């Protein structure tokens, strides 16, 4: 499709009408987007931070991370009374310690998707988590709270949430710049 403007639904419908299977249409669509032959634009992009936060198509990464943090914190305290969930605690605790601190820091440092590939994000997330969590423990060693379970999980949660909020704000600023550059913001206010 050259420079004509069609919705994604119309594009897929045209391809399906030609007798091509859904899998092939979706594969070709994905390749066209990756090779930048096809450009997708949001017809109604978020223009405020609040509207951005509650658009799951933009912030699913944020809400997933916050949910994982909340579930892990809940399971740490629930398993003291209900040992049935101990295996879930181990799984979520591993993700909480070995992935989420680095992931939130990487999202804050590199807010654009083009900055890093998904594999680079995962590798850097694990590596940075292995560096950040001991530093949090070292800092806690010199505080009155010391290195105890409640202080470790709460300070790690505070670090993760702080980095996620910074990442959320930086990603929104990038989206806002793209919207302004495309001229969509001015046209929406002229209505």
Foldseek 3Di string as FASTA:
>chain_A
DQPDDDAPVVQLVVVVVVVDDSVVSVVVVVVCVVVVVDDDDDPDDDQDLVVQCPPCVRCVVLVVLLVLLVVLVVCVVVCVVVVPCVVVNVVSVCCLQQAQLQLLQCLLVDVDPVPDPPVVSRVRRRVVSVVVLVVQLVVQCPDPVHDDVVSSSVVSSVSSNVSSVSSSVVNSVVVNVVCVVVVVVVVVVVD
